[in-house]
Amino acid sequence: MPPTVPITNLPEALGCCYVLLGAGFGARFIAPRLEQHLGPDTPLSFYRDGQPFLKPLWHQLDRLLAAHASEPAAREACANAARATFSLFFQNFQTISRPEHREVSTP
């Protein structure tokens, strides 16, 4: 079974949603670079198909975060799930990327 982010409550689910929706916003910039570096057979529908729906979903997520992740413990659960989701994406990217793209460099 592939690795997953354990979600046991609503704040954790919202943290994952934050990462997934946020990734969609960068889609128009990310998709061409992914295709350039990973090749034309790279599945990119996640980055290309959701653009018209993201803004209303982001506003809904913002309201849900305000309602369900405003207490410190809930905020921490949300943030931890978001970090775990980012980490899962990074780990999976490392397994499918070409070796020359596995090193992350910062300017």
PDB file of N, CA and C in Angstrom:
ATOM      1  N   MET A   1       0.846  -1.182   0.000  1.00  0.00           N
ATOM      2  CA  MET A   1       0.000   0.000   0.000  1.00  0.00           C
ATOM      3  C   MET A   1       0.890   1.244   0.000  1.00  0.00           C
ATOM      4  N   PRO A   2       0.566   2.239  -0.827  1.00  0.00           N
ATOM      5  CA  PRO A   2       1.387   3.455  -0.857  1.00  0.00           C
ATOM      6  C   PRO A   2       1.269   4.236   0.458  1.00  0.00           C
ATOM      7  N   PRO A   3       2.283   5.012   0.774  1.00  0.00           N
ATOM      8  CA  PRO A   3       2.223   5.801   2.006  1.00  0.00           C
ATOM      9  C   PRO A   3       1.126   6.852   1.926  1.00  0.00           C
ATOM     10  N   THR A   4       0.569   7.146   3.069  1.00  0.00           N
ATOM     11  CA  THR A   4      -0.490   8.153   3.150  1.00  0.00           C
ATOM     12  C   THR A   4      -0.238   9.066   4.348  1.00  0.00           C
ATOM     13  N   VAL A   5      -1.005  10.123   4.421  1.00  0.00           N
ATOM     14  CA  VAL A   5      -0.989  10.999   5.586  1.00  0.00           C
ATOM     15  C   VAL A   5      -2.137  10.546   6.478  1.00  0.00           C
ATOM     16  N   PRO A   6      -1.844  10.151   7.719  1.00  0.00           N
ATOM     17  CA  PRO A   6      -2.944   9.728   8.592  1.00  0.00           C
ATOM     18  C   PRO A   6      -3.833  10.924   8.953  1.00  0.00           C
ATOM     19  N   ILE A   7      -5.121  10.770   8.709  1.00  0.00           N
ATOM     20  CA  ILE A   7      -6.093  11.817   9.018  1.00  0.00           C
ATOM     21  C   ILE A   7      -7.099  11.224   9.991  1.00  0.00           C
ATOM     22  N   THR A   8      -7.138  11.796  11.189  1.00  0.00           N
ATOM     23  CA  THR A   8      -8.036  11.273  12.213  1.00  0.00           C
ATOM     24  C   THR A   8      -9.065  12.293  12.680  1.00  0.00           C
ATOM     25  N   ASN A   9      -8.968  13.527  12.187  1.00  0.00           N
ATOM     26  CA  ASN A   9      -9.924  14.539  12.611  1.00  0.00           C
ATOM     27  C   ASN A   9     -10.035  15.630  11.539  1.00  0.00           C
ATOM     28  N   LEU A  10     -10.993  16.514  11.734  1.00  0.00           N
ATOM     29  CA  LEU A  10     -11.250  17.561  10.742  1.00  0.00           C
ATOM     30  C   LEU A  10     -10.083  18.530  10.567  1.00  0.00           C
ATOM     31  N   PRO A  11      -9.428  19.023  11.624  1.00  0.00           N
ATOM     32  CA  PRO A  11      -8.288  19.911  11.401  1.00  0.00           C
ATOM     33  C   PRO A  11      -7.168  19.269  10.569  1.00  0.00           C
ATOM     34  N   GLU A  12      -6.926  17.980  10.767  1.00  0.00           N
ATOM     35  CA  GLU A  12      -5.911  17.304   9.944  1.00  0.00           C
ATOM     36  C   GLU A  12      -6.347  17.248   8.486  1.00  0.00           C
ATOM     37  N   ALA A  13      -7.624  16.981   8.256  1.00  0.00           N
ATOM     38  CA  ALA A  13      -8.135  16.956   6.883  1.00  0.00           C
ATOM     39  C   ALA A  13      -8.001  18.338   6.242  1.00  0.00           C
ATOM     40  N   LEU A  14      -8.268  19.373   7.013  1.00  0.00           N
ATOM     41  CA  LEU A  14      -8.140  20.729   6.481  1.00  0.00           C
ATOM     42  C   LEU A  14      -6.688  21.069   6.154  1.00  0.00           C
ATOM     43  N   GLY A  15      -5.747  20.566   6.952  1.00  0.00           N
ATOM     44  CA  GLY A  15      -4.331  20.781   6.662  1.00  0.00           C
ATOM     45  C   GLY A  15      -3.934  20.153   5.334  1.00  0.00           C
ATOM     46  N   CYS A  16      -4.424  18.938   5.077  1.00  0.00           N
ATOM     47  CA  CYS A  16      -4.154  18.293   3.783  1.00  0.00           C
ATOM     48  C   CYS A  16      -4.791  19.080   2.646  1.00  0.00           C
ATOM     49  N   CYS A  17      -6.015  19.524   2.849  1.00  0.00           N
ATOM     50  CA  CYS A  17      -6.705  20.317   1.823  1.00  0.00           C
ATOM     51  C   CYS A  17      -5.949  21.595   1.508  1.00  0.00           C
ATOM     52  N   TYR A  18      -5.392  22.207   2.526  1.00  0.00           N
ATOM     53  CA  TYR A  18      -4.617  23.433   2.340  1.00  0.00           C
ATOM     54  C   TYR A  18      -3.480  23.198   1.346  1.00  0.00           C
ATOM     55  N   VAL A  19      -2.776  22.095   1.525  1.00  0.00           N
ATOM     56  CA  VAL A  19      -1.649  21.778   0.642  1.00  0.00           C
ATOM     57  C   VAL A  19      -2.142  21.461  -0.770  1.00  0.00           C
ATOM     58  N   LEU A  20      -3.190  20.657  -0.878  1.00  0.00           N
ATOM     59  CA  LEU A  20      -3.680  20.259  -2.194  1.00  0.00           C
ATOM     60  C   LEU A  20      -4.225  21.446  -2.977  1.00  0.00           C
ATOM     61  N   LEU A  21      -5.015  22.293  -2.324  1.00  0.00           N
ATOM     62  CA  LEU A  21      -5.532  23.468  -3.024  1.00  0.00           C
ATOM     63  C   LEU A  21      -4.419  24.451  -3.346  1.00  0.00           C
ATOM     64  N   GLY A  22      -3.511  24.634  -2.417  1.00  0.00           N
ATOM     65  CA  GLY A  22      -2.387  25.538  -2.663  1.00  0.00           C
ATOM     66  C   GLY A  22      -1.547  25.079  -3.839  1.00  0.00           C
ATOM     67  N   ALA A  23      -1.362  23.773  -3.954  1.00  0.00           N
ATOM     68  CA  ALA A  23      -0.604  23.240  -5.087  1.00  0.00           C
ATOM     69  C   ALA A  23      -1.304  23.564  -6.398  1.00  0.00           C
ATOM     70  N   GLY A  24      -2.610  23.532  -6.377  1.00  0.00           N
ATOM     71  CA  GLY A  24      -3.361  23.849  -7.588  1.00  0.00           C
ATOM     72  C   GLY A  24      -3.171  25.280  -8.046  1.00  0.00           C
ATOM     73  N   PHE A  25      -3.000  26.204  -7.098  1.00  0.00           N
ATOM     74  CA  PHE A  25      -2.816  27.606  -7.478  1.00  0.00           C
ATOM     75  C   PHE A  25      -1.509  27.826  -8.230  1.00  0.00           C
ATOM     76  N   GLY A  26      -0.504  27.067  -7.932  1.00  0.00           N
ATOM     77  CA  GLY A  26       0.760  27.211  -8.643  1.00  0.00           C
ATOM     78  C   GLY A  26       0.809  26.424  -9.934  1.00  0.00           C
ATOM     79  N   ALA A  27      -0.308  25.815 -10.279  1.00  0.00           N
ATOM     80  CA  ALA A  27      -0.345  24.896 -11.411  1.00  0.00           C
ATOM     81  C   ALA A  27       0.118  25.497 -12.720  1.00  0.00           C
ATOM     82  N   ARG A  28      -0.325  26.686 -13.035  1.00  0.00           N
ATOM     83  CA  ARG A  28       0.033  27.230 -14.351  1.00  0.00           C
ATOM     84  C   ARG A  28       1.529  27.481 -14.476  1.00  0.00           C
ATOM     85  N   PHE A  29       2.211  27.604 -13.347  1.00  0.00           N
ATOM     86  CA  PHE A  29       3.663  27.784 -13.373  1.00  0.00           C
ATOM     87  C   PHE A  29       4.403  26.455 -13.222  1.00  0.00           C
ATOM     88  N   ILE A  30       3.811  25.566 -12.464  1.00  0.00           N
ATOM     89  CA  ILE A  30       4.464  24.295 -12.164  1.00  0.00           C
ATOM     90  C   ILE A  30       4.368  23.309 -13.318  1.00  0.00           C
ATOM     91  N   ALA A  31       3.192  23.179 -13.925  1.00  0.00           N
ATOM     92  CA  ALA A  31       2.976  22.154 -14.953  1.00  0.00           C
ATOM     93  C   ALA A  31       3.990  22.212 -16.093  1.00  0.00           C
ATOM     94  N   PRO A  32       4.251  23.376 -16.701  1.00  0.00           N
ATOM     95  CA  PRO A  32       5.230  23.388 -17.793  1.00  0.00           C
ATOM     96  C   PRO A  32       6.632  22.963 -17.335  1.00  0.00           C
ATOM     97  N   ARG A  33       7.015  23.349 -16.122  1.00  0.00           N
ATOM     98  CA  ARG A  33       8.346  22.971 -15.624  1.00  0.00           C
ATOM     99  C   ARG A  33       8.414  21.475 -15.334  1.00  0.00           C
ATOM    100  N   LEU A  34       7.341  20.925 -14.761  1.00  0.00           N
ATOM    101  CA  LEU A  34       7.324  19.479 -14.518  1.00  0.00           C
ATOM    102  C   LEU A  34       7.442  18.716 -15.830  1.00  0.00           C
ATOM    103  N   GLU A  35       6.682  19.145 -16.814  1.00  0.00           N
ATOM    104  CA  GLU A  35       6.740  18.471 -18.113  1.00  0.00           C
ATOM    105  C   GLU A  35       8.126  18.597 -18.735  1.00  0.00           C
ATOM    106  N   GLN A  36       8.720  19.765 -18.615  1.00  0.00           N
ATOM    107  CA  GLN A  36      10.056  19.994 -19.168  1.00  0.00           C
ATOM    108  C   GLN A  36      11.087  19.084 -18.497  1.00  0.00           C
ATOM    109  N   HIS A  37      11.003  18.954 -17.170  1.00  0.00           N
ATOM    110  CA  HIS A  37      12.019  18.208 -16.438  1.00  0.00           C
ATOM    111  C   HIS A  37      11.726  16.715 -16.306  1.00  0.00           C
ATOM    112  N   LEU A  38      10.443  16.352 -16.310  1.00  0.00           N
ATOM    113  CA  LEU A  38      10.100  14.941 -16.111  1.00  0.00           C
ATOM    114  C   LEU A  38       9.681  14.245 -17.392  1.00  0.00           C
ATOM    115  N   GLY A  39       9.413  15.020 -18.440  1.00  0.00           N
ATOM    116  CA  GLY A  39       9.065  14.430 -19.728  1.00  0.00           C
ATOM    117  C   GLY A  39       7.604  14.582 -20.073  1.00  0.00           C
ATOM    118  N   PRO A  40       7.293  14.411 -21.359  1.00  0.00           N
ATOM    119  CA  PRO A  40       5.939  14.646 -21.851  1.00  0.00           C
ATOM    120  C   PRO A  40       4.917  13.605 -21.374  1.00  0.00           C
ATOM    121  N   ASP A  41       5.365  12.475 -20.877  1.00  0.00           N
ATOM    122  CA  ASP A  41       4.437  11.439 -20.415  1.00  0.00           C
ATOM    123  C   ASP A  41       4.039  11.610 -18.951  1.00  0.00           C
ATOM    124  N   THR A  42       4.515  12.666 -18.314  1.00  0.00           N
ATOM    125  CA  THR A  42       4.209  12.916 -16.911  1.00  0.00           C
ATOM    126  C   THR A  42       2.728  13.251 -16.761  1.00  0.00           C
ATOM    127  N   PRO A  43       1.999  12.553 -15.867  1.00  0.00           N
ATOM    128  CA  PRO A  43       0.582  12.884 -15.673  1.00  0.00           C
ATOM    129  C   PRO A  43       0.445  14.231 -14.958  1.00  0.00           C
ATOM    130  N   LEU A  44      -0.205  15.169 -15.610  1.00  0.00           N
ATOM    131  CA  LEU A  44      -0.303  16.531 -15.086  1.00  0.00           C
ATOM    132  C   LEU A  44      -1.738  17.029 -14.967  1.00  0.00           C
ATOM    133  N   SER A  45      -2.720  16.161 -15.081  1.00  0.00           N
ATOM    134  CA  SER A  45      -4.109  16.634 -15.051  1.00  0.00           C
ATOM    135  C   SER A  45      -4.440  17.334 -13.738  1.00  0.00           C
ATOM    136  N   PHE A  46      -3.824  16.924 -12.634  1.00  0.00           N
ATOM    137  CA  PHE A  46      -4.049  17.602 -11.354  1.00  0.00           C
ATOM    138  C   PHE A  46      -3.707  19.079 -11.474  1.00  0.00           C
ATOM    139  N   TYR A  47      -2.656  19.382 -12.209  1.00  0.00           N
ATOM    140  CA  TYR A  47      -2.192  20.765 -12.339  1.00  0.00           C
ATOM    141  C   TYR A  47      -2.913  21.554 -13.423  1.00  0.00           C
ATOM    142  N   ARG A  48      -3.560  20.866 -14.347  1.00  0.00           N
ATOM    143  CA  ARG A  48      -4.159  21.579 -15.472  1.00  0.00           C
ATOM    144  C   ARG A  48      -5.682  21.682 -15.404  1.00  0.00           C
ATOM    145  N   ASP A  49      -6.347  20.739 -14.776  1.00  0.00           N
ATOM    146  CA  ASP A  49      -7.795  20.644 -14.893  1.00  0.00           C
ATOM    147  C   ASP A  49      -8.594  21.421 -13.851  1.00  0.00           C
ATOM    148  N   GLY A  50      -8.009  21.755 -12.715  1.00  0.00           N
ATOM    149  CA  GLY A  50      -8.787  22.323 -11.631  1.00  0.00           C
ATOM    150  C   GLY A  50      -8.822  23.827 -11.533  1.00  0.00           C
ATOM    151  N   GLN A  51      -8.140  24.534 -12.390  1.00  0.00           N
ATOM    152  CA  GLN A  51      -8.008  25.985 -12.255  1.00  0.00           C
ATOM    153  C   GLN A  51      -9.323  26.741 -12.060  1.00  0.00           C
ATOM    154  N   PRO A  52     -10.372  26.496 -12.824  1.00  0.00           N
ATOM    155  CA  PRO A  52     -11.594  27.304 -12.653  1.00  0.00           C
ATOM    156  C   PRO A  52     -12.273  27.128 -11.293  1.00  0.00           C
ATOM    157  N   PHE A  53     -12.010  26.026 -10.616  1.00  0.00           N
ATOM    158  CA  PHE A  53     -12.710  25.712  -9.377  1.00  0.00           C
ATOM    159  C   PHE A  53     -11.944  26.096  -8.119  1.00  0.00           C
ATOM    160  N   LEU A  54     -10.704  26.501  -8.264  1.00  0.00           N
ATOM    161  CA  LEU A  54      -9.858  26.692  -7.086  1.00  0.00           C
ATOM    162  C   LEU A  54     -10.250  27.875  -6.205  1.00  0.00           C
ATOM    163  N   LYS A  55     -10.552  29.000  -6.800  1.00  0.00           N
ATOM    164  CA  LYS A  55     -10.817  30.196  -5.991  1.00  0.00           C
ATOM    165  C   LYS A  55     -12.011  30.003  -5.053  1.00  0.00           C
ATOM    166  N   PRO A  56     -13.170  29.498  -5.537  1.00  0.00           N
ATOM    167  CA  PRO A  56     -14.282  29.284  -4.599  1.00  0.00           C
ATOM    168  C   PRO A  56     -13.947  28.234  -3.529  1.00  0.00           C
ATOM    169  N   LEU A  57     -13.205  27.208  -3.922  1.00  0.00           N
ATOM    170  CA  LEU A  57     -12.812  26.196  -2.930  1.00  0.00           C
ATOM    171  C   LEU A  57     -11.884  26.788  -1.879  1.00  0.00           C
ATOM    172  N   TRP A  58     -10.984  27.669  -2.303  1.00  0.00           N
ATOM    173  CA  TRP A  58     -10.071  28.302  -1.355  1.00  0.00           C
ATOM    174  C   TRP A  58     -10.848  29.138  -0.338  1.00  0.00           C
ATOM    175  N   HIS A  59     -11.864  29.859  -0.798  1.00  0.00           N
ATOM    176  CA  HIS A  59     -12.689  30.659   0.114  1.00  0.00           C
ATOM    177  C   HIS A  59     -13.445  29.753   1.090  1.00  0.00           C
ATOM    178  N   GLN A  60     -13.932  28.622   0.604  1.00  0.00           N
ATOM    179  CA  GLN A  60     -14.599  27.668   1.497  1.00  0.00           C
ATOM    180  C   GLN A  60     -13.613  27.130   2.533  1.00  0.00           C
ATOM    181  N   LEU A  61     -12.422  26.793   2.084  1.00  0.00           N
ATOM    182  CA  LEU A  61     -11.410  26.282   3.007  1.00  0.00           C
ATOM    183  C   LEU A  61     -11.066  27.332   4.056  1.00  0.00           C
ATOM    184  N   ASP A  62     -10.955  28.566   3.651  1.00  0.00           N
ATOM    185  CA  ASP A  62     -10.657  29.647   4.588  1.00  0.00           C
ATOM    186  C   ASP A  62     -11.730  29.726   5.683  1.00  0.00           C
ATOM    187  N   ARG A  63     -12.985  29.623   5.284  1.00  0.00           N
ATOM    188  CA  ARG A  63     -14.081  29.650   6.265  1.00  0.00           C
ATOM    189  C   ARG A  63     -14.018  28.426   7.185  1.00  0.00           C
ATOM    190  N   LEU A  64     -13.729  27.265   6.624  1.00  0.00           N
ATOM    191  CA  LEU A  64     -13.638  26.047   7.434  1.00  0.00           C
ATOM    192  C   LEU A  64     -12.470  26.123   8.424  1.00  0.00           C
ATOM    193  N   LEU A  65     -11.351  26.657   7.970  1.00  0.00           N
ATOM    194  CA  LEU A  65     -10.205  26.819   8.873  1.00  0.00           C
ATOM    195  C   LEU A  65     -10.553  27.764  10.022  1.00  0.00           C
ATOM    196  N   ALA A  66     -11.237  28.844   9.717  1.00  0.00           N
ATOM    197  CA  ALA A  66     -11.625  29.794  10.762  1.00  0.00           C
ATOM    198  C   ALA A  66     -12.576  29.147  11.763  1.00  0.00           C
ATOM    199  N   ALA A  67     -13.451  28.286  11.277  1.00  0.00           N
ATOM    200  CA  ALA A  67     -14.445  27.662  12.149  1.00  0.00           C
ATOM    201  C   ALA A  67     -13.906  26.464  12.928  1.00  0.00           C
ATOM    202  N   HIS A  68     -12.975  25.717  12.333  1.00  0.00           N
ATOM    203  CA  HIS A  68     -12.582  24.440  12.929  1.00  0.00           C
ATOM    204  C   HIS A  68     -11.103  24.320  13.286  1.00  0.00           C
ATOM    205  N   ALA A  69     -10.326  25.333  13.014  1.00  0.00           N
ATOM    206  CA  ALA A  69      -8.895  25.244  13.333  1.00  0.00           C
ATOM    207  C   ALA A  69      -8.405  26.537  13.979  1.00  0.00           C
ATOM    208  N   SER A  70      -9.259  27.142  14.793  1.00  0.00           N
ATOM    209  CA  SER A  70      -8.865  28.400  15.422  1.00  0.00           C
ATOM    210  C   SER A  70      -8.243  28.200  16.802  1.00  0.00           C
ATOM    211  N   GLU A  71      -8.534  27.092  17.444  1.00  0.00           N
ATOM    212  CA  GLU A  71      -7.939  26.798  18.753  1.00  0.00           C
ATOM    213  C   GLU A  71      -6.510  26.301  18.550  1.00  0.00           C
ATOM    214  N   PRO A  72      -5.617  26.568  19.509  1.00  0.00           N
ATOM    215  CA  PRO A  72      -4.202  26.169  19.341  1.00  0.00           C
ATOM    216  C   PRO A  72      -3.984  24.690  19.008  1.00  0.00           C
ATOM    217  N   ALA A  73      -4.674  23.791  19.681  1.00  0.00           N
ATOM    218  CA  ALA A  73      -4.474  22.355  19.407  1.00  0.00           C
ATOM    219  C   ALA A  73      -4.940  21.992  17.993  1.00  0.00           C
ATOM    220  N   ALA A  74      -6.055  22.553  17.575  1.00  0.00           N
ATOM    221  CA  ALA A  74      -6.563  22.281  16.231  1.00  0.00           C
ATOM    222  C   ALA A  74      -5.645  22.887  15.175  1.00  0.00           C
ATOM    223  N   ARG A  75      -5.137  24.099  15.446  1.00  0.00           N
ATOM    224  CA  ARG A  75      -4.192  24.736  14.522  1.00  0.00           C
ATOM    225  C   ARG A  75      -2.938  23.894  14.369  1.00  0.00           C
ATOM    226  N   GLU A  76      -2.449  23.366  15.485  1.00  0.00           N
ATOM    227  CA  GLU A  76      -1.246  22.523  15.450  1.00  0.00           C
ATOM    228  C   GLU A  76      -1.501  21.239  14.664  1.00  0.00           C
ATOM    229  N   ALA A  77      -2.662  20.612  14.869  1.00  0.00           N
ATOM    230  CA  ALA A  77      -3.009  19.404  14.112  1.00  0.00           C
ATOM    231  C   ALA A  77      -3.089  19.712  12.620  1.00  0.00           C
ATOM    232  N   CYS A  78      -3.666  20.838  12.283  1.00  0.00           N
ATOM    233  CA  CYS A  78      -3.781  21.270  10.887  1.00  0.00           C
ATOM    234  C   CYS A  78      -2.397  21.482  10.276  1.00  0.00           C
ATOM    235  N   ALA A  79      -1.546  22.189  10.989  1.00  0.00           N
ATOM    236  CA  ALA A  79      -0.191  22.472  10.496  1.00  0.00           C
ATOM    237  C   ALA A  79       0.625  21.188  10.358  1.00  0.00           C
ATOM    238  N   ASN A  80       0.501  20.286  11.320  1.00  0.00           N
ATOM    239  CA  ASN A  80       1.239  19.015  11.247  1.00  0.00           C
ATOM    240  C   ASN A  80       0.798  18.197  10.043  1.00  0.00           C
ATOM    241  N   ALA A  81      -0.504  18.163   9.791  1.00  0.00           N
ATOM    242  CA  ALA A  81      -1.003  17.424   8.629  1.00  0.00           C
ATOM    243  C   ALA A  81      -0.535  18.072   7.334  1.00  0.00           C
ATOM    244  N   ALA A  82      -0.496  19.398   7.296  1.00  0.00           N
ATOM    245  CA  ALA A  82       0.003  20.088   6.101  1.00  0.00           C
ATOM    246  C   ALA A  82       1.467  19.738   5.870  1.00  0.00           C
ATOM    247  N   ARG A  83       2.276  19.768   6.929  1.00  0.00           N
ATOM    248  CA  ARG A  83       3.699  19.404   6.785  1.00  0.00           C
ATOM    249  C   ARG A  83       3.853  17.953   6.331  1.00  0.00           C
ATOM    250  N   ALA A  84       3.031  17.065   6.891  1.00  0.00           N
ATOM    251  CA  ALA A  84       3.099  15.657   6.495  1.00  0.00           C
ATOM    252  C   ALA A  84       2.709  15.483   5.029  1.00  0.00           C
ATOM    253  N   THR A  85       1.745  16.273   4.571  1.00  0.00           N
ATOM    254  CA  THR A  85       1.328  16.198   3.169  1.00  0.00           C
ATOM    255  C   THR A  85       2.437  16.696   2.254  1.00  0.00           C
ATOM    256  N   PHE A  86       3.050  17.818   2.603  1.00  0.00           N
ATOM    257  CA  PHE A  86       4.200  18.303   1.831  1.00  0.00           C
ATOM    258  C   PHE A  86       5.299  17.242   1.792  1.00  0.00           C
ATOM    259  N   SER A  87       5.573  16.633   2.923  1.00  0.00           N
ATOM    260  CA  SER A  87       6.616  15.613   3.006  1.00  0.00           C
ATOM    261  C   SER A  87       6.286  14.415   2.128  1.00  0.00           C
ATOM    262  N   LEU A  88       5.033  14.000   2.135  1.00  0.00           N
ATOM    263  CA  LEU A  88       4.626  12.866   1.304  1.00  0.00           C
ATOM    264  C   LEU A  88       4.814  13.181  -0.175  1.00  0.00           C
ATOM    265  N   PHE A  89       4.420  14.390  -0.585  1.00  0.00           N
ATOM    266  CA  PHE A  89       4.650  14.797  -1.974  1.00  0.00           C
ATOM    267  C   PHE A  89       6.138  14.747  -2.304  1.00  0.00           C
ATOM    268  N   PHE A  90       6.952  15.288  -1.424  1.00  0.00           N
ATOM    269  CA  PHE A  90       8.392  15.324  -1.674  1.00  0.00           C
ATOM    270  C   PHE A  90       8.959  13.910  -1.763  1.00  0.00           C
ATOM    271  N   GLN A  91       8.582  13.030  -0.844  1.00  0.00           N
ATOM    272  CA  GLN A  91       9.083  11.662  -0.865  1.00  0.00           C
ATOM    273  C   GLN A  91       8.691  10.949  -2.147  1.00  0.00           C
ATOM    274  N   ASN A  92       7.450  11.133  -2.578  1.00  0.00           N
ATOM    275  CA  ASN A  92       7.011  10.483  -3.807  1.00  0.00           C
ATOM    276  C   ASN A  92       7.691  11.077  -5.029  1.00  0.00           C
ATOM    277  N   PHE A  93       7.913  12.370  -5.019  1.00  0.00           N
ATOM    278  CA  PHE A  93       8.636  12.990  -6.114  1.00  0.00           C
ATOM    279  C   PHE A  93      10.040  12.396  -6.211  1.00  0.00           C
ATOM    280  N   GLN A  94      10.677  12.182  -5.075  1.00  0.00           N
ATOM    281  CA  GLN A  94      12.036  11.617  -5.067  1.00  0.00           C
ATOM    282  C   GLN A  94      12.052  10.226  -5.705  1.00  0.00           C
ATOM    283  N   THR A  95      10.981   9.453  -5.537  1.00  0.00           N
ATOM    284  CA  THR A  95      10.976   8.098  -6.079  1.00  0.00           C
ATOM    285  C   THR A  95      10.723   8.056  -7.579  1.00  0.00           C
ATOM    286  N   ILE A  96      10.080   9.085  -8.139  1.00  0.00           N
ATOM    287  CA  ILE A  96       9.770   9.053  -9.575  1.00  0.00           C
ATOM    288  C   ILE A  96      10.648   9.967 -10.412  1.00  0.00           C
ATOM    289  N   SER A  97      11.369  10.857  -9.774  1.00  0.00           N
ATOM    290  CA  SER A  97      12.150  11.823 -10.546  1.00  0.00           C
ATOM    291  C   SER A  97      13.440  11.204 -11.058  1.00  0.00           C
ATOM    292  N   ARG A  98      13.963  11.817 -12.071  1.00  0.00           N
ATOM    293  CA  ARG A  98      15.258  11.388 -12.591  1.00  0.00           C
ATOM    294  C   ARG A  98      16.329  11.779 -11.571  1.00  0.00           C
ATOM    295  N   PRO A  99      17.423  11.046 -11.507  1.00  0.00           N
ATOM    296  CA  PRO A  99      18.458  11.316 -10.499  1.00  0.00           C
ATOM    297  C   PRO A  99      18.961  12.751 -10.494  1.00  0.00           C
ATOM    298  N   GLU A 100      19.094  13.370 -11.655  1.00  0.00           N
ATOM    299  CA  GLU A 100      19.639  14.738 -11.691  1.00  0.00           C
ATOM    300  C   GLU A 100      18.660  15.767 -11.123  1.00  0.00           C
ATOM    301  N   HIS A 101      17.401  15.377 -10.884  1.00  0.00           N
ATOM    302  CA  HIS A 101      16.419  16.301 -10.327  1.00  0.00           C
ATOM    303  C   HIS A 101      16.099  16.012  -8.866  1.00  0.00           C
ATOM    304  N   ARG A 102      16.812  15.090  -8.262  1.00  0.00           N
ATOM    305  CA  ARG A 102      16.502  14.712  -6.891  1.00  0.00           C
ATOM    306  C   ARG A 102      17.096  15.624  -5.848  1.00  0.00           C
ATOM    307  N   GLU A 103      18.105  16.334  -6.173  1.00  0.00           N
ATOM    308  CA  GLU A 103      18.718  17.251  -5.222  1.00  0.00           C
ATOM    309  C   GLU A 103      17.942  18.556  -5.216  1.00  0.00           C
ATOM    310  N   VAL A 104      17.571  18.992  -4.063  1.00  0.00           N
ATOM    311  CA  VAL A 104      16.861  20.263  -3.930  1.00  0.00           C
ATOM    312  C   VAL A 104      17.871  21.322  -3.618  1.00  0.00           C
ATOM    313  N   SER A 105      17.905  22.345  -4.440  1.00  0.00           N
ATOM    314  CA  SER A 105      18.846  23.449  -4.182  1.00  0.00           C
ATOM    315  C   SER A 105      18.056  24.702  -3.907  1.00  0.00           C
ATOM    316  N   THR A 106      18.604  25.533  -3.095  1.00  0.00           N
ATOM    317  CA  THR A 106      17.968  26.808  -2.789  1.00  0.00           C
ATOM    318  C   THR A 106      18.902  27.914  -3.242  1.00  0.00           C
ATOM    319  N   PRO A 107      18.308  28.993  -3.733  1.00  0.00           N
ATOM    320  CA  PRO A 107      19.149  30.098  -4.237  1.00  0.00           C
ATOM    321  C   PRO A 107      19.931  30.781  -3.140  1.00  0.00           C
TER     322      PRO A 107
END
